[in-house]
Each structure stands twice: as structure tokens, then as C-alpha cells.
Amino acid sequence: MKYIIVGYGGVELPIIFDEIIDHFDMVKGSVDDVISAGFVKFYPGKTFEVDCYGKSVTLKKQSRGEVDSQIILRQMVKDY
């Protein structure tokens, strides 16, 4: 999976989507405040883990690794 972290109203929010879609195409024309982008892997189990890594060539943004992983994990826990 791919992901983008965007700034919205002072909060950092994740967008997660399929690898077939380019990072740029996912946000073009709709988001100005892209903070980071890359790839994400999910490891479900007793303790759900998220691993963010890499970069977006089309957006010229890097993953922030553990910082982005925690944002995605926090959003997932909040939604369930």
C-alpha cells in the first residue's frame, strides 16, 4: 500500500491507497499541504504494527518512518 500524510487544519492526517495509483494522482488539485509520502505495510496480530518507509518520486516527499507509522496507527485505533 501507499500513503500520504497531509496537513489539514493543523492536524496531520493519513491517506492510504493501492500501489497502482501514483502518489501525485491521488492528491493532484485537491491537497496543497503534503507533509510526507511513501509506502506502508501492516502487520496484524496481538499488537498491530505499521511500517512506513520509502519515498514518493512524483511528489518528491520522503517517508518519516516511525512518525508516519504512529500517525497511521493512531488513526486506525481511533476509527475502531
N, C-alpha and C. Protein backbone atom coordinates (compact mmCIF):
# COMPACT_ATOMS: atom_id res chain seq x y z
N MET A 1 0.84 -1.17 0.00
CA MET A 1 0.00 0.00 0.00
C MET A 1 0.89 1.24 0.00
N LYS A 2 0.31 2.34 -0.47
CA LYS A 2 0.99 3.63 -0.44
C LYS A 2 0.27 4.52 0.56
N TYR A 3 0.95 5.58 0.97
CA TYR A 3 0.31 6.52 1.87
C TYR A 3 0.85 7.93 1.62
N ILE A 4 0.05 8.90 2.07
CA ILE A 4 0.43 10.31 2.07
C ILE A 4 -0.03 10.87 3.40
N ILE A 5 0.77 11.69 4.02
CA ILE A 5 0.36 12.42 5.21
C ILE A 5 0.14 13.86 4.78
N VAL A 6 -1.07 14.38 5.05
CA VAL A 6 -1.40 15.75 4.67
C VAL A 6 -1.71 16.56 5.92
N GLY A 7 -1.46 17.85 5.82
CA GLY A 7 -1.84 18.76 6.89
C GLY A 7 -3.22 19.31 6.61
N TYR A 8 -4.08 19.26 7.62
CA TYR A 8 -5.45 19.75 7.46
C TYR A 8 -5.89 20.40 8.77
N GLY A 9 -6.04 21.69 8.77
CA GLY A 9 -6.49 22.40 9.97
C GLY A 9 -5.57 22.22 11.16
N GLY A 10 -4.26 22.15 10.91
CA GLY A 10 -3.31 21.99 11.99
C GLY A 10 -3.10 20.56 12.46
N VAL A 11 -3.75 19.61 11.80
CA VAL A 11 -3.64 18.19 12.15
C VAL A 11 -3.04 17.44 10.98
N GLU A 12 -2.21 16.44 11.27
CA GLU A 12 -1.65 15.59 10.22
C GLU A 12 -2.52 14.36 10.05
N LEU A 13 -3.02 14.15 8.82
CA LEU A 13 -3.93 13.05 8.54
C LEU A 13 -3.36 12.14 7.46
N PRO A 14 -3.57 10.82 7.60
CA PRO A 14 -3.07 9.88 6.59
C PRO A 14 -4.11 9.60 5.51
N ILE A 15 -3.60 9.39 4.31
CA ILE A 15 -4.40 8.87 3.19
C ILE A 15 -3.69 7.60 2.74
N ILE A 16 -4.40 6.49 2.75
CA ILE A 16 -3.82 5.19 2.38
C ILE A 16 -4.54 4.69 1.14
N PHE A 17 -3.76 4.18 0.19
CA PHE A 17 -4.36 3.77 -1.08
C PHE A 17 -3.52 2.69 -1.76
N ASP A 18 -4.05 2.11 -2.81
CA ASP A 18 -3.42 1.00 -3.52
C ASP A 18 -2.18 1.44 -4.29
N GLU A 19 -1.23 0.54 -4.41
CA GLU A 19 0.03 0.85 -5.09
C GLU A 19 -0.12 1.12 -6.59
N ILE A 20 -1.24 0.77 -7.18
CA ILE A 20 -1.44 1.01 -8.61
C ILE A 20 -1.61 2.50 -8.92
N ILE A 21 -1.96 3.29 -7.90
CA ILE A 21 -2.20 4.73 -8.06
C ILE A 21 -0.92 5.49 -7.72
N ASP A 22 -0.54 6.45 -8.55
CA ASP A 22 0.61 7.31 -8.25
C ASP A 22 0.26 8.24 -7.08
N HIS A 23 1.27 8.54 -6.27
CA HIS A 23 1.07 9.49 -5.17
C HIS A 23 0.53 10.82 -5.72
N PHE A 24 1.12 11.31 -6.79
CA PHE A 24 0.71 12.60 -7.37
C PHE A 24 -0.75 12.57 -7.81
N ASP A 25 -1.15 11.49 -8.49
CA ASP A 25 -2.53 11.39 -8.96
C ASP A 25 -3.53 11.35 -7.80
N MET A 26 -3.11 10.82 -6.68
CA MET A 26 -4.01 10.72 -5.52
C MET A 26 -4.36 12.10 -4.96
N VAL A 27 -3.45 13.05 -5.04
CA VAL A 27 -3.69 14.35 -4.42
C VAL A 27 -3.77 15.53 -5.39
N LYS A 28 -3.53 15.30 -6.66
CA LYS A 28 -3.46 16.44 -7.59
C LYS A 28 -4.73 17.29 -7.55
N GLY A 29 -4.50 18.57 -7.42
CA GLY A 29 -5.59 19.52 -7.44
C GLY A 29 -6.42 19.60 -6.17
N SER A 30 -6.14 18.77 -5.18
CA SER A 30 -7.00 18.79 -4.00
C SER A 30 -6.28 19.04 -2.68
N VAL A 31 -4.98 18.78 -2.63
CA VAL A 31 -4.27 18.94 -1.36
C VAL A 31 -2.98 19.73 -1.61
N ASP A 32 -2.83 20.82 -0.89
CA ASP A 32 -1.62 21.64 -1.03
C ASP A 32 -0.56 21.30 0.00
N ASP A 33 -0.97 20.80 1.15
CA ASP A 33 -0.05 20.61 2.26
C ASP A 33 0.33 19.14 2.44
N VAL A 34 1.09 18.59 1.48
CA VAL A 34 1.58 17.22 1.61
C VAL A 34 2.83 17.26 2.47
N ILE A 35 2.82 16.54 3.57
CA ILE A 35 3.93 16.56 4.52
C ILE A 35 4.93 15.46 4.23
N SER A 36 4.44 14.26 3.98
CA SER A 36 5.32 13.12 3.68
C SER A 36 4.55 12.10 2.87
N ALA A 37 5.28 11.17 2.27
CA ALA A 37 4.65 10.13 1.45
C ALA A 37 5.60 8.96 1.30
N GLY A 38 5.03 7.81 1.05
CA GLY A 38 5.84 6.61 0.85
C GLY A 38 4.98 5.38 0.79
N PHE A 39 5.49 4.30 1.36
CA PHE A 39 4.82 3.02 1.34
C PHE A 39 4.55 2.58 2.78
N VAL A 40 3.50 1.76 2.95
CA VAL A 40 3.15 1.29 4.29
C VAL A 40 2.82 -0.19 4.24
N LYS A 41 3.30 -0.91 5.25
CA LYS A 41 2.97 -2.32 5.44
C LYS A 41 2.27 -2.46 6.78
N PHE A 42 1.28 -3.34 6.81
CA PHE A 42 0.52 -3.61 8.03
C PHE A 42 0.82 -5.02 8.49
N TYR A 43 1.04 -5.16 9.80
CA TYR A 43 1.32 -6.45 10.41
C TYR A 43 0.30 -6.70 11.52
N PRO A 44 -0.84 -7.31 11.17
CA PRO A 44 -1.85 -7.57 12.20
C PRO A 44 -1.40 -8.70 13.13
N GLY A 45 -1.88 -8.67 14.32
CA GLY A 45 -1.55 -9.68 15.32
C GLY A 45 -2.01 -9.19 16.68
N LYS A 46 -1.42 -9.74 17.73
CA LYS A 46 -1.79 -9.31 19.09
C LYS A 46 -1.51 -7.83 19.27
N THR A 47 -0.38 -7.37 18.75
CA THR A 47 -0.06 -5.95 18.75
C THR A 47 0.06 -5.53 17.29
N PHE A 48 -0.92 -4.79 16.82
CA PHE A 48 -0.95 -4.38 15.42
C PHE A 48 0.22 -3.44 15.14
N GLU A 49 0.98 -3.73 14.10
CA GLU A 49 2.13 -2.90 13.77
C GLU A 49 1.99 -2.31 12.37
N VAL A 50 2.55 -1.13 12.21
CA VAL A 50 2.55 -0.41 10.94
C VAL A 50 3.98 0.00 10.64
N ASP A 51 4.41 -0.20 9.39
CA ASP A 51 5.77 0.15 8.99
C ASP A 51 5.73 1.06 7.77
N CYS A 52 6.15 2.31 7.93
CA CYS A 52 6.20 3.28 6.82
C CYS A 52 7.65 3.43 6.37
N TYR A 53 7.84 3.51 5.06
CA TYR A 53 9.19 3.56 4.52
C TYR A 53 9.17 4.15 3.10
N GLY A 54 10.33 4.43 2.58
CA GLY A 54 10.48 4.84 1.18
C GLY A 54 10.19 6.30 0.93
N LYS A 55 9.78 6.57 -0.30
CA LYS A 55 9.50 7.95 -0.70
C LYS A 55 8.58 7.97 -1.91
N SER A 56 8.05 9.14 -2.20
CA SER A 56 7.26 9.37 -3.40
C SER A 56 8.13 10.14 -4.39
N VAL A 57 8.42 9.52 -5.49
CA VAL A 57 9.20 10.19 -6.54
C VAL A 57 8.37 11.30 -7.17
N THR A 58 7.07 11.04 -7.40
CA THR A 58 6.23 12.02 -8.09
C THR A 58 5.93 13.25 -7.24
N LEU A 59 5.90 13.10 -5.91
CA LEU A 59 5.67 14.25 -5.03
C LEU A 59 6.95 14.82 -4.44
N LYS A 60 8.05 14.09 -4.63
CA LYS A 60 9.34 14.50 -4.06
C LYS A 60 9.25 14.66 -2.53
N LYS A 61 8.63 13.67 -1.90
CA LYS A 61 8.48 13.65 -0.44
C LYS A 61 8.98 12.32 0.10
N GLN A 62 9.61 12.36 1.27
CA GLN A 62 10.16 11.18 1.94
C GLN A 62 9.19 10.69 3.01
N SER A 63 9.26 9.41 3.31
CA SER A 63 8.60 8.87 4.49
C SER A 63 9.35 9.35 5.72
N ARG A 64 8.63 9.57 6.81
CA ARG A 64 9.27 9.91 8.07
C ARG A 64 9.32 8.70 9.00
N GLY A 65 9.16 7.52 8.41
CA GLY A 65 9.29 6.28 9.16
C GLY A 65 8.35 6.16 10.33
N GLU A 66 8.92 6.08 11.52
CA GLU A 66 8.15 5.84 12.74
C GLU A 66 7.13 6.95 13.01
N VAL A 67 7.45 8.18 12.69
CA VAL A 67 6.50 9.28 12.89
C VAL A 67 5.23 9.03 12.09
N ASP A 68 5.37 8.68 10.81
CA ASP A 68 4.21 8.41 9.96
C ASP A 68 3.49 7.14 10.41
N SER A 69 4.25 6.13 10.81
CA SER A 69 3.64 4.89 11.30
C SER A 69 2.73 5.16 12.48
N GLN A 70 3.16 6.01 13.40
CA GLN A 70 2.35 6.33 14.58
C GLN A 70 1.10 7.13 14.21
N ILE A 71 1.19 8.00 13.23
CA ILE A 71 0.01 8.76 12.79
C ILE A 71 -1.02 7.82 12.19
N ILE A 72 -0.58 6.89 11.35
CA ILE A 72 -1.50 5.92 10.73
C ILE A 72 -2.09 5.01 11.80
N LEU A 73 -1.28 4.51 12.69
CA LEU A 73 -1.75 3.62 13.75
C LEU A 73 -2.76 4.33 14.65
N ARG A 74 -2.47 5.56 15.01
CA ARG A 74 -3.38 6.35 15.85
C ARG A 74 -4.73 6.54 15.15
N GLN A 75 -4.72 6.80 13.85
CA GLN A 75 -5.97 6.98 13.10
C GLN A 75 -6.75 5.68 13.04
N MET A 76 -6.05 4.56 12.86
CA MET A 76 -6.72 3.26 12.79
C MET A 76 -7.37 2.92 14.12
N VAL A 77 -6.69 3.16 15.22
CA VAL A 77 -7.24 2.86 16.55
C VAL A 77 -8.45 3.75 16.81
N LYS A 78 -8.37 5.00 16.40
CA LYS A 78 -9.47 5.95 16.60
C LYS A 78 -10.71 5.52 15.83
N ASP A 79 -10.53 4.93 14.64
CA ASP A 79 -11.65 4.54 13.80
C ASP A 79 -12.31 3.24 14.25
N TYR A 80 -11.64 2.49 15.14
CA TYR A 80 -12.22 1.19 15.57
C TYR A 80 -12.55 1.16 17.02
